Every structure is written in structure tokens, then in C-alpha cells.
Amino acid sequence: MRNHWVWNRFTITFGMIALAIVAWNIYVSFNDGGRIVGKVVDAMGQPVAGAQVVFWRQTVTSLEKVAETRTDAEGHYRFHNNGQYALVLTARIANAQSARHTVPLWFRNQNVQIAPIVVE
């Protein structure tokens, strides 16, 4: 009975909230490098080498171009230090272009692996 306050539902509830906050902050600290990686493929699912991938910052009213890169021989691309909360990616090669690929992030600079972007 003397340690009754330790097992009180309020103590347990606030303790679990504090534990969740600490766990979230640890997760963020290990995943906040701002790395965006992905792959560009064609309609048949084959990698597209040399595609231009553009990284856009999504604001409330518009898109602002942040960076661009080209895919490697296997269709992979990478951006570093994105510093954004929401982003849009597009890919283009010759006469083919992808749809806009919107990526909401949970926190700024979140590392993220993007699902393949299809150019048609």
C-alpha cells in the first residue's frame, strides 16, 4: 500500500506518454539525415537510366524547385539534406514524363525511400 502511487493509472498513463516521447525523439535522431532515395522505371517496370528527377518543395499555394539529379544505370536517384516537411518528385526522360509524386513527411529532414516513379 505504501507504493500505491507508483501503480496509479495516472502515473502509468503519464509514464507511457513520456516513454513514447523519448522513443519518438530517439527515432527522429537516427532518421533525420534528409536522404531521399528512389528509383525511376518505365511502364514495363524496367529501370530508366539518365532520367531527370526534380525535387519540389510543396507550399500552401505552389511548388518551388529545390534540386534535380539524374538516375544512374539502374534507375536509382538520391537527394541529401532535403529539409522539408512535404515534397513532390517528378521524373522525365526524352518524351516521357511521370505524374507528380507527392510525399508527406512526419518530420523535417526525414529519411525516406520513395516507391518507384513510373515514366510513361
N, C-alpha and C. Protein backbone atom coordinates (compact mmCIF):
# COMPACT_ATOMS: atom_id res chain seq x y z
N MET A 1 0.82 -1.21 0.00
CA MET A 1 0.00 0.00 0.00
C MET A 1 0.85 1.26 0.00
N ARG A 2 2.04 1.23 0.54
CA ARG A 2 2.82 2.46 0.63
C ARG A 2 3.31 2.93 -0.74
N ASN A 3 3.46 2.04 -1.74
CA ASN A 3 3.86 2.44 -3.09
C ASN A 3 2.67 2.47 -4.04
N HIS A 4 1.51 2.71 -3.49
CA HIS A 4 0.27 2.72 -4.28
C HIS A 4 0.32 3.75 -5.42
N TRP A 5 0.97 4.90 -5.20
CA TRP A 5 1.03 5.94 -6.23
C TRP A 5 1.82 5.50 -7.46
N VAL A 6 2.75 4.53 -7.29
CA VAL A 6 3.56 4.07 -8.42
C VAL A 6 2.68 3.35 -9.44
N TRP A 7 1.71 2.61 -9.01
CA TRP A 7 0.85 1.85 -9.91
C TRP A 7 -0.48 2.53 -10.16
N ASN A 8 -0.58 3.77 -9.81
CA ASN A 8 -1.77 4.56 -10.06
C ASN A 8 -1.96 4.72 -11.57
N ARG A 9 -3.19 4.71 -12.07
CA ARG A 9 -3.43 4.80 -13.52
C ARG A 9 -2.91 6.11 -14.10
N PHE A 10 -2.89 7.18 -13.34
CA PHE A 10 -2.37 8.45 -13.84
C PHE A 10 -0.85 8.40 -13.99
N THR A 11 -0.18 7.80 -13.04
CA THR A 11 1.27 7.65 -13.11
C THR A 11 1.65 6.78 -14.31
N ILE A 12 0.94 5.70 -14.48
CA ILE A 12 1.22 4.80 -15.62
C ILE A 12 0.94 5.51 -16.94
N THR A 13 -0.16 6.23 -17.02
CA THR A 13 -0.51 6.94 -18.26
C THR A 13 0.55 7.97 -18.62
N PHE A 14 0.92 8.82 -17.67
CA PHE A 14 1.92 9.85 -17.94
C PHE A 14 3.30 9.24 -18.18
N GLY A 15 3.59 8.13 -17.52
CA GLY A 15 4.85 7.42 -17.76
C GLY A 15 4.91 6.86 -19.18
N MET A 16 3.80 6.32 -19.67
CA MET A 16 3.76 5.80 -21.03
C MET A 16 3.87 6.93 -22.06
N ILE A 17 3.25 8.06 -21.78
CA ILE A 17 3.38 9.21 -22.68
C ILE A 17 4.83 9.68 -22.73
N ALA A 18 5.48 9.77 -21.58
CA ALA A 18 6.89 10.17 -21.54
C ALA A 18 7.76 9.17 -22.29
N LEU A 19 7.48 7.89 -22.15
CA LEU A 19 8.23 6.85 -22.85
C LEU A 19 8.04 6.98 -24.37
N ALA A 20 6.81 7.24 -24.80
CA ALA A 20 6.54 7.43 -26.23
C ALA A 20 7.29 8.64 -26.78
N ILE A 21 7.33 9.71 -26.02
CA ILE A 21 8.05 10.92 -26.46
C ILE A 21 9.54 10.64 -26.59
N VAL A 22 10.11 9.97 -25.61
CA VAL A 22 11.54 9.63 -25.67
C VAL A 22 11.82 8.71 -26.85
N ALA A 23 10.98 7.70 -27.06
CA ALA A 23 11.18 6.77 -28.19
C ALA A 23 11.08 7.51 -29.52
N TRP A 24 10.10 8.40 -29.66
CA TRP A 24 9.95 9.18 -30.89
C TRP A 24 11.19 10.04 -31.15
N ASN A 25 11.69 10.70 -30.14
CA ASN A 25 12.88 11.54 -30.31
C ASN A 25 14.11 10.73 -30.66
N ILE A 26 14.24 9.54 -30.12
CA ILE A 26 15.35 8.67 -30.50
C ILE A 26 15.21 8.27 -31.96
N TYR A 27 14.01 7.88 -32.37
CA TYR A 27 13.77 7.51 -33.77
C TYR A 27 14.11 8.67 -34.71
N VAL A 28 13.64 9.86 -34.39
CA VAL A 28 13.91 11.03 -35.22
C VAL A 28 15.41 11.30 -35.31
N SER A 29 16.11 11.19 -34.20
CA SER A 29 17.55 11.49 -34.22
C SER A 29 18.32 10.54 -35.11
N PHE A 30 17.84 9.32 -35.31
CA PHE A 30 18.51 8.36 -36.18
C PHE A 30 18.03 8.43 -37.63
N ASN A 31 16.97 9.18 -37.90
CA ASN A 31 16.38 9.21 -39.24
C ASN A 31 16.16 10.62 -39.77
N ASP A 32 17.01 11.56 -39.39
CA ASP A 32 16.81 12.94 -39.82
C ASP A 32 17.96 13.46 -40.69
N GLY A 33 18.49 12.59 -41.54
CA GLY A 33 19.58 13.00 -42.43
C GLY A 33 19.11 13.67 -43.70
N GLY A 34 17.82 13.66 -43.96
CA GLY A 34 17.29 14.30 -45.15
C GLY A 34 17.58 13.55 -46.43
N ARG A 35 17.78 12.24 -46.34
CA ARG A 35 18.07 11.43 -47.53
C ARG A 35 16.78 10.98 -48.21
N ILE A 36 16.68 11.26 -49.48
CA ILE A 36 15.56 10.81 -50.30
C ILE A 36 16.15 9.89 -51.36
N VAL A 37 15.73 8.65 -51.38
CA VAL A 37 16.22 7.70 -52.38
C VAL A 37 15.04 7.03 -53.06
N GLY A 38 15.23 6.67 -54.31
CA GLY A 38 14.18 6.00 -55.05
C GLY A 38 14.68 5.51 -56.38
N LYS A 39 13.74 5.09 -57.21
CA LYS A 39 14.06 4.50 -58.50
C LYS A 39 13.04 4.98 -59.52
N VAL A 40 13.49 5.18 -60.75
CA VAL A 40 12.60 5.54 -61.85
C VAL A 40 12.52 4.33 -62.78
N VAL A 41 11.29 3.95 -63.12
CA VAL A 41 11.06 2.82 -64.01
C VAL A 41 10.13 3.23 -65.15
N ASP A 42 10.13 2.43 -66.24
CA ASP A 42 9.20 2.69 -67.33
C ASP A 42 7.90 1.92 -67.08
N ALA A 43 6.98 1.98 -68.01
CA ALA A 43 5.67 1.34 -67.85
C ALA A 43 5.78 -0.17 -67.69
N MET A 44 6.86 -0.76 -68.18
CA MET A 44 7.08 -2.21 -68.08
C MET A 44 7.81 -2.59 -66.79
N GLY A 45 8.17 -1.61 -65.97
CA GLY A 45 8.87 -1.86 -64.72
C GLY A 45 10.38 -1.94 -64.86
N GLN A 46 10.90 -1.59 -66.03
CA GLN A 46 12.35 -1.62 -66.27
C GLN A 46 12.98 -0.31 -65.79
N PRO A 47 14.18 -0.37 -65.20
CA PRO A 47 14.86 0.85 -64.74
C PRO A 47 15.13 1.81 -65.90
N VAL A 48 15.04 3.10 -65.61
CA VAL A 48 15.30 4.14 -66.61
C VAL A 48 16.58 4.87 -66.22
N ALA A 49 17.63 4.67 -67.03
CA ALA A 49 18.91 5.35 -66.77
C ALA A 49 18.87 6.74 -67.37
N GLY A 50 19.48 7.70 -66.70
CA GLY A 50 19.60 9.06 -67.22
C GLY A 50 18.35 9.91 -67.14
N ALA A 51 17.35 9.47 -66.41
CA ALA A 51 16.12 10.28 -66.26
C ALA A 51 16.41 11.47 -65.35
N GLN A 52 15.80 12.59 -65.65
CA GLN A 52 15.93 13.79 -64.83
C GLN A 52 14.87 13.72 -63.73
N VAL A 53 15.29 13.74 -62.48
CA VAL A 53 14.37 13.72 -61.34
C VAL A 53 14.44 15.09 -60.68
N VAL A 54 13.28 15.72 -60.54
CA VAL A 54 13.21 17.06 -59.94
C VAL A 54 12.51 16.97 -58.59
N PHE A 55 13.11 17.61 -57.61
CA PHE A 55 12.61 17.66 -56.24
C PHE A 55 12.01 19.04 -56.02
N TRP A 56 10.73 19.07 -55.69
CA TRP A 56 9.99 20.32 -55.49
C TRP A 56 9.59 20.44 -54.04
N ARG A 57 9.63 21.65 -53.51
CA ARG A 57 9.11 21.97 -52.17
C ARG A 57 7.63 22.32 -52.34
N GLN A 58 6.80 21.66 -51.57
CA GLN A 58 5.36 21.94 -51.64
C GLN A 58 5.00 22.97 -50.58
N THR A 59 4.48 24.11 -51.04
CA THR A 59 3.99 25.14 -50.11
C THR A 59 2.47 25.09 -50.14
N VAL A 60 1.85 25.99 -49.42
CA VAL A 60 0.40 26.02 -49.37
C VAL A 60 -0.20 26.31 -50.74
N THR A 61 0.45 27.18 -51.50
CA THR A 61 -0.14 27.61 -52.78
C THR A 61 0.63 27.20 -54.03
N SER A 62 1.85 26.70 -53.88
CA SER A 62 2.63 26.43 -55.09
C SER A 62 3.71 25.38 -54.86
N LEU A 63 4.45 25.10 -55.93
CA LEU A 63 5.61 24.23 -55.87
C LEU A 63 6.84 25.07 -56.20
N GLU A 64 7.91 24.87 -55.44
CA GLU A 64 9.17 25.56 -55.69
C GLU A 64 10.25 24.53 -55.94
N LYS A 65 10.97 24.66 -57.04
CA LYS A 65 12.02 23.72 -57.38
C LYS A 65 13.18 23.87 -56.38
N VAL A 66 13.61 22.73 -55.81
CA VAL A 66 14.69 22.73 -54.84
C VAL A 66 15.97 22.17 -55.46
N ALA A 67 15.86 21.04 -56.14
CA ALA A 67 17.04 20.39 -56.70
C ALA A 67 16.63 19.44 -57.82
N GLU A 68 17.62 19.02 -58.58
CA GLU A 68 17.38 17.99 -59.58
C GLU A 68 18.62 17.13 -59.72
N THR A 69 18.42 15.91 -60.20
CA THR A 69 19.51 14.98 -60.40
C THR A 69 19.14 14.04 -61.54
N ARG A 70 20.06 13.21 -61.92
CA ARG A 70 19.84 12.20 -62.96
C ARG A 70 19.96 10.81 -62.33
N THR A 71 19.21 9.87 -62.89
CA THR A 71 19.28 8.50 -62.39
C THR A 71 20.55 7.82 -62.90
N ASP A 72 21.00 6.83 -62.13
CA ASP A 72 22.18 6.05 -62.54
C ASP A 72 21.76 4.95 -63.52
N ALA A 73 22.66 4.05 -63.82
CA ALA A 73 22.39 2.98 -64.80
C ALA A 73 21.27 2.05 -64.37
N GLU A 74 21.04 1.92 -63.06
CA GLU A 74 19.96 1.06 -62.56
C GLU A 74 18.68 1.84 -62.27
N GLY A 75 18.64 3.11 -62.63
CA GLY A 75 17.45 3.93 -62.42
C GLY A 75 17.33 4.55 -61.05
N HIS A 76 18.36 4.45 -60.21
CA HIS A 76 18.30 4.99 -58.85
C HIS A 76 18.69 6.47 -58.82
N TYR A 77 18.08 7.18 -57.90
CA TYR A 77 18.43 8.59 -57.66
C TYR A 77 18.51 8.81 -56.16
N ARG A 78 19.14 9.93 -55.78
CA ARG A 78 19.32 10.25 -54.36
C ARG A 78 19.42 11.76 -54.19
N PHE A 79 18.76 12.26 -53.15
CA PHE A 79 18.89 13.66 -52.73
C PHE A 79 19.33 13.65 -51.27
N HIS A 80 20.08 14.67 -50.87
CA HIS A 80 20.56 14.78 -49.49
C HIS A 80 20.06 16.09 -48.88
N ASN A 81 19.91 16.10 -47.55
CA ASN A 81 19.56 17.30 -46.79
C ASN A 81 18.32 17.99 -47.33
N ASN A 82 17.21 17.25 -47.42
CA ASN A 82 16.00 17.84 -48.01
C ASN A 82 15.43 18.98 -47.18
N GLY A 83 15.43 18.89 -45.87
CA GLY A 83 14.97 19.99 -45.02
C GLY A 83 13.52 20.37 -45.18
N GLN A 84 12.69 19.47 -45.67
CA GLN A 84 11.29 19.80 -45.95
C GLN A 84 10.34 18.96 -45.10
N TYR A 85 9.08 19.39 -45.09
CA TYR A 85 8.02 18.64 -44.44
C TYR A 85 7.15 17.92 -45.45
N ALA A 86 7.08 18.44 -46.66
CA ALA A 86 6.31 17.83 -47.74
C ALA A 86 7.05 18.11 -49.04
N LEU A 87 7.10 17.11 -49.89
CA LEU A 87 7.82 17.29 -51.13
C LEU A 87 7.09 16.62 -52.28
N VAL A 88 7.46 17.02 -53.48
CA VAL A 88 6.89 16.46 -54.70
C VAL A 88 8.06 16.10 -55.60
N LEU A 89 7.99 14.93 -56.21
CA LEU A 89 9.03 14.50 -57.15
C LEU A 89 8.40 14.27 -58.52
N THR A 90 9.15 14.62 -59.56
CA THR A 90 8.75 14.30 -60.93
C THR A 90 9.97 13.75 -61.64
N ALA A 91 9.73 12.93 -62.66
CA ALA A 91 10.82 12.37 -63.45
C ALA A 91 10.47 12.54 -64.92
N ARG A 92 11.54 12.73 -65.73
CA ARG A 92 11.35 12.93 -67.16
C ARG A 92 12.53 12.35 -67.92
N ILE A 93 12.23 11.75 -69.06
CA ILE A 93 13.26 11.29 -69.98
C ILE A 93 12.71 11.43 -71.39
N ALA A 94 13.46 12.09 -72.26
CA ALA A 94 13.05 12.30 -73.66
C ALA A 94 11.61 12.79 -73.73
N ASN A 95 10.71 12.00 -74.31
CA ASN A 95 9.30 12.40 -74.47
C ASN A 95 8.39 11.84 -73.38
N ALA A 96 8.96 11.16 -72.41
CA ALA A 96 8.15 10.54 -71.35
C ALA A 96 8.31 11.32 -70.05
N GLN A 97 7.20 11.42 -69.31
CA GLN A 97 7.21 12.14 -68.03
C GLN A 97 6.33 11.40 -67.04
N SER A 98 6.67 11.52 -65.77
CA SER A 98 5.87 10.90 -64.71
C SER A 98 4.81 11.87 -64.23
N ALA A 99 3.87 11.33 -63.50
CA ALA A 99 2.92 12.17 -62.78
C ALA A 99 3.65 12.73 -61.56
N ARG A 100 3.09 13.74 -60.92
CA ARG A 100 3.67 14.27 -59.68
C ARG A 100 3.54 13.21 -58.59
N HIS A 101 4.60 13.04 -57.86
CA HIS A 101 4.65 12.06 -56.78
C HIS A 101 4.77 12.82 -55.47
N THR A 102 3.66 13.00 -54.75
CA THR A 102 3.65 13.77 -53.50
C THR A 102 4.06 12.87 -52.34
N VAL A 103 4.96 13.37 -51.51
CA VAL A 103 5.47 12.61 -50.37
C VAL A 103 5.32 13.45 -49.11
N PRO A 104 4.32 13.15 -48.28
CA PRO A 104 4.23 13.84 -46.99
C PRO A 104 5.21 13.20 -46.01
N LEU A 105 5.84 14.01 -45.20
CA LEU A 105 6.81 13.52 -44.23
C LEU A 105 6.29 13.73 -42.81
N TRP A 106 6.72 12.88 -41.89
CA TRP A 106 6.30 13.01 -40.50
C TRP A 106 7.06 14.10 -39.78
N PHE A 107 8.31 14.34 -40.22
CA PHE A 107 9.12 15.38 -39.58
C PHE A 107 10.11 15.91 -40.60
N ARG A 108 10.62 17.12 -40.32
CA ARG A 108 11.57 17.76 -41.22
C ARG A 108 12.85 16.94 -41.34
N ASN A 109 13.39 16.87 -42.54
CA ASN A 109 14.62 16.13 -42.83
C ASN A 109 14.47 14.62 -42.69
N GLN A 110 13.27 14.11 -42.73
CA GLN A 110 13.06 12.67 -42.59
C GLN A 110 13.72 11.92 -43.75
N ASN A 111 14.43 10.85 -43.43
CA ASN A 111 14.95 9.96 -44.46
C ASN A 111 13.77 9.18 -45.02
N VAL A 112 13.73 9.04 -46.35
CA VAL A 112 12.60 8.35 -46.94
C VAL A 112 13.02 7.62 -48.20
N GLN A 113 12.47 6.42 -48.36
CA GLN A 113 12.66 5.66 -49.60
C GLN A 113 11.34 5.75 -50.36
N ILE A 114 11.42 6.27 -51.57
CA ILE A 114 10.24 6.52 -52.38
C ILE A 114 9.89 5.28 -53.20
N ALA A 115 8.60 5.01 -53.34
CA ALA A 115 8.16 3.95 -54.24
C ALA A 115 8.58 4.31 -55.66
N PRO A 116 8.79 3.33 -56.53
CA PRO A 116 9.25 3.63 -57.88
C PRO A 116 8.35 4.66 -58.60
N ILE A 117 9.01 5.58 -59.26
CA ILE A 117 8.31 6.59 -60.07
C ILE A 117 8.26 6.06 -61.50
N VAL A 118 7.07 6.03 -62.07
CA VAL A 118 6.89 5.48 -63.41
C VAL A 118 6.81 6.62 -64.43
N VAL A 119 7.66 6.54 -65.46
CA VAL A 119 7.58 7.48 -66.57
C VAL A 119 6.89 6.78 -67.74
N GLU A 120 5.94 7.47 -68.35
CA GLU A 120 5.18 6.87 -69.46
C GLU A 120 5.21 7.78 -70.67
